[in-house]
Amino acid sequence: MKTIKVAAAIIRDGDRIFATQRGYGEFKGGWEFPGGKLEAGETAQEALRREIREELDTEIEVGELLDTIEYDYPAFHLSMDCFWASVRSGSLLLKEHTDAKWLTCDDLYSVQWLPADITLIKKIENSLK
């Protein structure tokens, strides 16, 4: 099975987390943490800064690694490095996503997370409390 290596940003603003809704592909409509695939020679942090710049027209500060999620989808294995992040500049403009929300601890389960992303929610919930 093919492994896809991605990086995801858990963008935090105080007690709120930024979630995006996929606007394309097989998982269109599902909610996720923004980010994307690593390119050859790129670190996860570099990929994350590039992807957030491309997808959300925003510069982020990449913080510590929260977790690495290993998840088997039917067609591929996902290896996702998930980092805390914060906005340095920009307005989180949606270029590839159909919607986005700032979620508080009480709202974390109010969206339909993609299967790999939902595995992070408990850890995030614990960090926000």
N, C-alpha and C. Protein backbone atom coordinates (compact mmCIF):
# COMPACT_ATOMS: atom_id res chain seq x y z
N MET A 1 0.86 -1.20 0.00
CA MET A 1 0.00 0.00 0.00
C MET A 1 0.89 1.24 0.00
N LYS A 2 0.51 2.20 -0.82
CA LYS A 2 1.26 3.45 -0.95
C LYS A 2 1.10 4.29 0.31
N THR A 3 2.21 4.90 0.77
CA THR A 3 2.15 5.82 1.91
C THR A 3 2.22 7.25 1.41
N ILE A 4 1.30 8.07 1.91
CA ILE A 4 1.32 9.50 1.60
C ILE A 4 1.71 10.24 2.87
N LYS A 5 2.77 11.04 2.78
CA LYS A 5 3.30 11.79 3.92
C LYS A 5 2.80 13.22 3.84
N VAL A 6 2.09 13.66 4.87
CA VAL A 6 1.54 15.02 4.90
C VAL A 6 1.85 15.69 6.23
N ALA A 7 1.65 16.99 6.25
CA ALA A 7 1.78 17.77 7.48
C ALA A 7 0.49 18.56 7.64
N ALA A 8 0.04 18.67 8.89
CA ALA A 8 -1.20 19.40 9.18
C ALA A 8 -0.95 20.42 10.28
N ALA A 9 -1.64 21.56 10.17
CA ALA A 9 -1.50 22.63 11.15
C ALA A 9 -2.73 22.68 12.04
N ILE A 10 -2.49 22.60 13.34
CA ILE A 10 -3.56 22.86 14.29
C ILE A 10 -3.38 24.32 14.68
N ILE A 11 -4.04 25.19 13.92
CA ILE A 11 -3.87 26.64 14.11
C ILE A 11 -4.71 27.04 15.31
N ARG A 12 -4.03 27.60 16.29
CA ARG A 12 -4.67 27.93 17.56
C ARG A 12 -4.68 29.43 17.79
N ASP A 13 -5.80 29.90 18.28
CA ASP A 13 -5.92 31.30 18.70
C ASP A 13 -6.59 31.27 20.07
N GLY A 14 -5.80 31.33 21.11
CA GLY A 14 -6.33 31.23 22.47
C GLY A 14 -6.94 29.87 22.69
N ASP A 15 -8.25 29.83 22.94
CA ASP A 15 -8.91 28.55 23.19
C ASP A 15 -9.68 28.07 21.96
N ARG A 16 -9.32 28.59 20.77
CA ARG A 16 -10.00 28.19 19.54
C ARG A 16 -9.03 27.52 18.57
N ILE A 17 -9.58 26.56 17.79
CA ILE A 17 -8.82 25.82 16.79
C ILE A 17 -9.47 26.06 15.43
N PHE A 18 -8.64 26.22 14.39
CA PHE A 18 -9.13 26.48 13.04
C PHE A 18 -9.31 25.17 12.28
N ALA A 19 -10.51 24.93 11.77
CA ALA A 19 -10.83 23.74 10.99
C ALA A 19 -11.30 24.15 9.60
N THR A 20 -10.95 23.34 8.59
CA THR A 20 -11.35 23.65 7.22
C THR A 20 -12.13 22.48 6.61
N GLN A 21 -13.02 22.82 5.69
CA GLN A 21 -13.82 21.81 5.00
C GLN A 21 -13.27 21.62 3.59
N ARG A 22 -12.96 20.38 3.25
CA ARG A 22 -12.37 20.08 1.94
C ARG A 22 -13.32 20.46 0.82
N GLY A 23 -12.76 21.11 -0.20
CA GLY A 23 -13.57 21.54 -1.33
C GLY A 23 -13.33 20.72 -2.58
N TYR A 24 -12.58 19.61 -2.47
CA TYR A 24 -12.20 18.86 -3.67
C TYR A 24 -11.88 17.41 -3.30
N GLY A 25 -11.82 16.58 -4.31
CA GLY A 25 -11.33 15.21 -4.16
C GLY A 25 -12.29 14.23 -3.51
N GLU A 26 -11.75 13.07 -3.24
CA GLU A 26 -12.52 11.96 -2.69
C GLU A 26 -13.19 12.30 -1.35
N PHE A 27 -12.56 13.14 -0.56
CA PHE A 27 -13.07 13.45 0.77
C PHE A 27 -13.73 14.84 0.84
N LYS A 28 -14.19 15.32 -0.31
CA LYS A 28 -14.85 16.63 -0.37
C LYS A 28 -15.98 16.70 0.65
N GLY A 29 -16.04 17.82 1.38
CA GLY A 29 -17.09 18.02 2.37
C GLY A 29 -16.69 17.62 3.78
N GLY A 30 -15.64 16.81 3.90
CA GLY A 30 -15.15 16.42 5.23
C GLY A 30 -14.32 17.53 5.85
N TRP A 31 -14.27 17.55 7.16
CA TRP A 31 -13.51 18.58 7.87
C TRP A 31 -12.14 18.06 8.24
N GLU A 32 -11.15 18.96 8.19
CA GLU A 32 -9.75 18.57 8.42
C GLU A 32 -8.97 19.75 8.97
N PHE A 33 -7.76 19.43 9.39
CA PHE A 33 -6.81 20.48 9.74
C PHE A 33 -6.04 20.79 8.47
N PRO A 34 -5.87 22.08 8.14
CA PRO A 34 -5.23 22.44 6.87
C PRO A 34 -3.78 21.99 6.82
N GLY A 35 -3.31 21.76 5.60
CA GLY A 35 -1.94 21.32 5.37
C GLY A 35 -1.87 20.62 4.04
N GLY A 36 -0.89 19.72 3.89
CA GLY A 36 -0.78 19.02 2.62
C GLY A 36 0.45 18.16 2.53
N LYS A 37 0.67 17.64 1.32
CA LYS A 37 1.75 16.69 1.07
C LYS A 37 3.12 17.35 1.12
N LEU A 38 4.09 16.58 1.61
CA LEU A 38 5.48 17.02 1.59
C LEU A 38 6.02 16.83 0.18
N GLU A 39 6.80 17.79 -0.28
CA GLU A 39 7.48 17.67 -1.56
C GLU A 39 8.89 17.14 -1.29
N ALA A 40 9.54 16.64 -2.32
CA ALA A 40 10.88 16.06 -2.19
C ALA A 40 11.84 17.05 -1.54
N GLY A 41 12.55 16.60 -0.51
CA GLY A 41 13.55 17.42 0.16
C GLY A 41 13.00 18.41 1.17
N GLU A 42 11.71 18.41 1.38
CA GLU A 42 11.06 19.36 2.28
C GLU A 42 10.88 18.74 3.67
N THR A 43 11.08 19.54 4.71
CA THR A 43 10.73 19.06 6.05
C THR A 43 9.22 19.25 6.22
N ALA A 44 8.66 18.59 7.23
CA ALA A 44 7.23 18.73 7.50
C ALA A 44 6.88 20.19 7.79
N GLN A 45 7.75 20.88 8.55
CA GLN A 45 7.50 22.28 8.89
C GLN A 45 7.52 23.17 7.65
N GLU A 46 8.48 22.92 6.74
CA GLU A 46 8.56 23.70 5.50
C GLU A 46 7.32 23.46 4.64
N ALA A 47 6.90 22.21 4.53
CA ALA A 47 5.71 21.87 3.75
C ALA A 47 4.48 22.57 4.31
N LEU A 48 4.39 22.59 5.62
CA LEU A 48 3.24 23.21 6.27
C LEU A 48 3.18 24.71 6.00
N ARG A 49 4.30 25.38 6.14
CA ARG A 49 4.34 26.82 5.86
C ARG A 49 3.94 27.08 4.40
N ARG A 50 4.48 26.27 3.47
CA ARG A 50 4.17 26.44 2.05
C ARG A 50 2.69 26.17 1.77
N GLU A 51 2.17 25.07 2.28
CA GLU A 51 0.77 24.70 2.02
C GLU A 51 -0.20 25.74 2.57
N ILE A 52 0.05 26.26 3.77
CA ILE A 52 -0.85 27.25 4.37
C ILE A 52 -0.78 28.56 3.58
N ARG A 53 0.42 28.89 3.09
CA ARG A 53 0.57 30.08 2.24
C ARG A 53 -0.25 29.89 0.96
N GLU A 54 -0.16 28.70 0.33
CA GLU A 54 -0.87 28.43 -0.93
C GLU A 54 -2.38 28.33 -0.74
N GLU A 55 -2.82 27.62 0.30
CA GLU A 55 -4.24 27.32 0.48
C GLU A 55 -5.02 28.43 1.20
N LEU A 56 -4.33 29.17 2.09
CA LEU A 56 -5.03 30.13 2.94
C LEU A 56 -4.45 31.55 2.89
N ASP A 57 -3.44 31.76 2.03
CA ASP A 57 -2.82 33.07 1.88
C ASP A 57 -2.40 33.65 3.23
N THR A 58 -1.82 32.79 4.06
CA THR A 58 -1.46 33.17 5.43
C THR A 58 -0.09 32.63 5.79
N GLU A 59 0.67 33.43 6.53
CA GLU A 59 1.96 32.99 7.06
C GLU A 59 1.74 32.49 8.48
N ILE A 60 2.25 31.29 8.77
CA ILE A 60 2.08 30.74 10.12
C ILE A 60 3.41 30.53 10.82
N GLU A 61 3.34 30.50 12.11
CA GLU A 61 4.44 30.11 12.98
C GLU A 61 4.17 28.65 13.33
N VAL A 62 5.09 27.75 12.96
CA VAL A 62 4.91 26.33 13.26
C VAL A 62 5.52 26.04 14.62
N GLY A 63 4.70 25.50 15.50
CA GLY A 63 5.14 25.18 16.86
C GLY A 63 5.53 23.73 17.00
N GLU A 64 5.30 23.18 18.19
CA GLU A 64 5.74 21.82 18.47
C GLU A 64 4.82 20.78 17.83
N LEU A 65 5.40 19.61 17.61
CA LEU A 65 4.67 18.48 17.07
C LEU A 65 3.70 17.97 18.12
N LEU A 66 2.42 17.92 17.79
CA LEU A 66 1.42 17.39 18.71
C LEU A 66 1.38 15.87 18.62
N ASP A 67 1.41 15.35 17.37
CA ASP A 67 1.32 13.91 17.18
C ASP A 67 1.61 13.59 15.71
N THR A 68 1.96 12.33 15.46
CA THR A 68 2.03 11.81 14.10
C THR A 68 0.96 10.75 13.99
N ILE A 69 0.01 10.97 13.11
CA ILE A 69 -1.10 10.05 12.92
C ILE A 69 -0.76 9.09 11.79
N GLU A 70 -0.89 7.81 12.06
CA GLU A 70 -0.74 6.78 11.02
C GLU A 70 -2.13 6.20 10.82
N TYR A 71 -2.66 6.32 9.57
CA TYR A 71 -4.03 5.89 9.34
C TYR A 71 -4.14 5.19 7.98
N ASP A 72 -4.79 4.04 7.96
CA ASP A 72 -4.99 3.31 6.72
C ASP A 72 -6.35 3.64 6.11
N TYR A 73 -6.30 4.37 5.00
CA TYR A 73 -7.50 4.57 4.18
C TYR A 73 -7.55 3.39 3.22
N PRO A 74 -8.69 3.15 2.56
CA PRO A 74 -8.78 2.00 1.65
C PRO A 74 -7.70 1.97 0.56
N ALA A 75 -7.36 3.12 0.01
CA ALA A 75 -6.44 3.16 -1.14
C ALA A 75 -5.00 3.52 -0.79
N PHE A 76 -4.74 3.98 0.44
CA PHE A 76 -3.39 4.41 0.79
C PHE A 76 -3.22 4.47 2.31
N HIS A 77 -1.96 4.54 2.73
CA HIS A 77 -1.64 4.75 4.15
C HIS A 77 -1.25 6.21 4.31
N LEU A 78 -1.84 6.88 5.29
CA LEU A 78 -1.54 8.28 5.56
C LEU A 78 -0.63 8.38 6.77
N SER A 79 0.46 9.11 6.61
CA SER A 79 1.33 9.44 7.74
C SER A 79 1.30 10.97 7.86
N MET A 80 0.68 11.46 8.94
CA MET A 80 0.40 12.89 9.07
C MET A 80 1.05 13.47 10.33
N ASP A 81 2.05 14.33 10.12
CA ASP A 81 2.67 15.06 11.22
C ASP A 81 1.80 16.27 11.53
N CYS A 82 1.33 16.36 12.77
CA CYS A 82 0.39 17.41 13.17
C CYS A 82 1.07 18.37 14.15
N PHE A 83 1.20 19.61 13.74
CA PHE A 83 1.90 20.63 14.52
C PHE A 83 0.95 21.70 15.02
N TRP A 84 1.21 22.17 16.24
CA TRP A 84 0.54 23.39 16.70
C TRP A 84 1.05 24.52 15.83
N ALA A 85 0.22 25.49 15.56
CA ALA A 85 0.61 26.64 14.74
C ALA A 85 -0.19 27.86 15.15
N SER A 86 0.33 29.02 14.77
CA SER A 86 -0.38 30.27 15.00
C SER A 86 -0.19 31.17 13.79
N VAL A 87 -1.12 32.08 13.58
CA VAL A 87 -1.07 33.00 12.45
C VAL A 87 -0.04 34.09 12.73
N ARG A 88 0.90 34.28 11.79
CA ARG A 88 1.84 35.40 11.87
C ARG A 88 1.31 36.60 11.12
N SER A 89 0.79 36.33 9.90
CA SER A 89 0.19 37.40 9.10
C SER A 89 -0.74 36.77 8.07
N GLY A 90 -1.73 37.55 7.66
CA GLY A 90 -2.70 37.05 6.69
C GLY A 90 -4.06 36.88 7.34
N SER A 91 -5.05 36.54 6.51
CA SER A 91 -6.42 36.51 7.01
C SER A 91 -7.12 35.18 6.82
N LEU A 92 -6.36 34.09 6.62
CA LEU A 92 -6.93 32.76 6.42
C LEU A 92 -8.00 32.77 5.33
N LEU A 93 -7.60 33.23 4.15
CA LEU A 93 -8.47 33.31 2.98
C LEU A 93 -8.62 31.92 2.37
N LEU A 94 -9.86 31.47 2.19
CA LEU A 94 -10.11 30.12 1.66
C LEU A 94 -9.93 30.10 0.15
N LYS A 95 -8.89 29.40 -0.33
CA LYS A 95 -8.64 29.28 -1.76
C LYS A 95 -9.04 27.90 -2.28
N GLU A 96 -8.93 26.87 -1.45
CA GLU A 96 -9.23 25.50 -1.87
C GLU A 96 -10.31 24.85 -1.02
N HIS A 97 -10.67 25.45 0.08
CA HIS A 97 -11.67 24.88 0.98
C HIS A 97 -13.02 25.57 0.77
N THR A 98 -14.11 24.85 1.09
CA THR A 98 -15.44 25.43 0.91
C THR A 98 -15.93 26.17 2.14
N ASP A 99 -15.36 25.84 3.31
CA ASP A 99 -15.78 26.49 4.54
C ASP A 99 -14.67 26.35 5.58
N ALA A 100 -14.78 27.15 6.62
CA ALA A 100 -13.83 27.08 7.73
C ALA A 100 -14.53 27.58 8.97
N LYS A 101 -14.08 27.11 10.11
CA LYS A 101 -14.66 27.54 11.39
C LYS A 101 -13.58 27.58 12.45
N TRP A 102 -13.76 28.51 13.39
CA TRP A 102 -12.97 28.49 14.62
C TRP A 102 -13.80 27.70 15.63
N LEU A 103 -13.23 26.64 16.15
CA LEU A 103 -13.94 25.77 17.09
C LEU A 103 -13.36 25.89 18.49
N THR A 104 -14.23 26.01 19.48
CA THR A 104 -13.80 25.96 20.87
C THR A 104 -13.86 24.51 21.33
N CYS A 105 -13.43 24.26 22.53
CA CYS A 105 -13.45 22.92 23.11
C CYS A 105 -14.86 22.31 23.01
N ASP A 106 -15.87 23.12 23.27
CA ASP A 106 -17.26 22.64 23.24
C ASP A 106 -17.75 22.34 21.83
N ASP A 107 -17.10 22.90 20.82
CA ASP A 107 -17.55 22.74 19.42
C ASP A 107 -16.77 21.67 18.64
N LEU A 108 -15.76 21.08 19.24
CA LEU A 108 -14.86 20.22 18.48
C LEU A 108 -15.56 19.07 17.75
N TYR A 109 -16.66 18.59 18.31
CA TYR A 109 -17.36 17.47 17.67
C TYR A 109 -18.56 17.93 16.83
N SER A 110 -18.64 19.23 16.55
CA SER A 110 -19.79 19.76 15.80
C SER A 110 -19.62 19.64 14.29
N VAL A 111 -18.46 19.22 13.82
CA VAL A 111 -18.21 19.04 12.39
C VAL A 111 -17.91 17.58 12.11
N GLN A 112 -18.05 17.18 10.85
CA GLN A 112 -17.79 15.80 10.42
C GLN A 112 -16.33 15.67 10.00
N TRP A 113 -15.46 15.33 10.97
CA TRP A 113 -14.02 15.21 10.72
C TRP A 113 -13.72 14.05 9.80
N LEU A 114 -12.67 14.19 9.00
CA LEU A 114 -12.16 13.07 8.23
C LEU A 114 -11.60 12.03 9.21
N PRO A 115 -11.60 10.74 8.82
CA PRO A 115 -11.21 9.69 9.76
C PRO A 115 -9.84 9.87 10.43
N ALA A 116 -8.83 10.29 9.70
CA ALA A 116 -7.50 10.46 10.31
C ALA A 116 -7.49 11.65 11.27
N ASP A 117 -8.17 12.72 10.89
CA ASP A 117 -8.16 13.95 11.69
C ASP A 117 -8.88 13.78 13.03
N ILE A 118 -9.95 13.00 13.04
CA ILE A 118 -10.72 12.86 14.28
C ILE A 118 -9.90 12.19 15.38
N THR A 119 -8.89 11.41 14.99
CA THR A 119 -8.07 10.74 16.00
C THR A 119 -7.28 11.73 16.86
N LEU A 120 -7.16 12.96 16.39
CA LEU A 120 -6.43 14.01 17.11
C LEU A 120 -7.28 14.78 18.12
N ILE A 121 -8.59 14.69 17.96
CA ILE A 121 -9.49 15.59 18.70
C ILE A 121 -9.34 15.46 20.22
N LYS A 122 -9.22 14.25 20.73
CA LYS A 122 -9.08 14.05 22.18
C LYS A 122 -7.84 14.78 22.71
N LYS A 123 -6.72 14.65 22.00
CA LYS A 123 -5.48 15.33 22.42
C LYS A 123 -5.65 16.84 22.41
N ILE A 124 -6.32 17.35 21.39
CA ILE A 124 -6.54 18.78 21.28
C ILE A 124 -7.45 19.25 22.42
N GLU A 125 -8.49 18.50 22.65
CA GLU A 125 -9.44 18.80 23.71
C GLU A 125 -8.72 18.92 25.06
N ASN A 126 -7.85 17.95 25.33
CA ASN A 126 -7.08 17.97 26.58
C ASN A 126 -6.15 19.16 26.68
N SER A 127 -5.58 19.58 25.53
CA SER A 127 -4.68 20.73 25.53
C SER A 127 -5.40 22.05 25.71
N LEU A 128 -6.66 22.13 25.29
CA LEU A 128 -7.43 23.37 25.39
C LEU A 128 -8.00 23.60 26.78
N LYS A 129 -8.09 22.54 27.56
CA LYS A 129 -8.71 22.66 28.90
C LYS A 129 -7.75 23.27 29.89
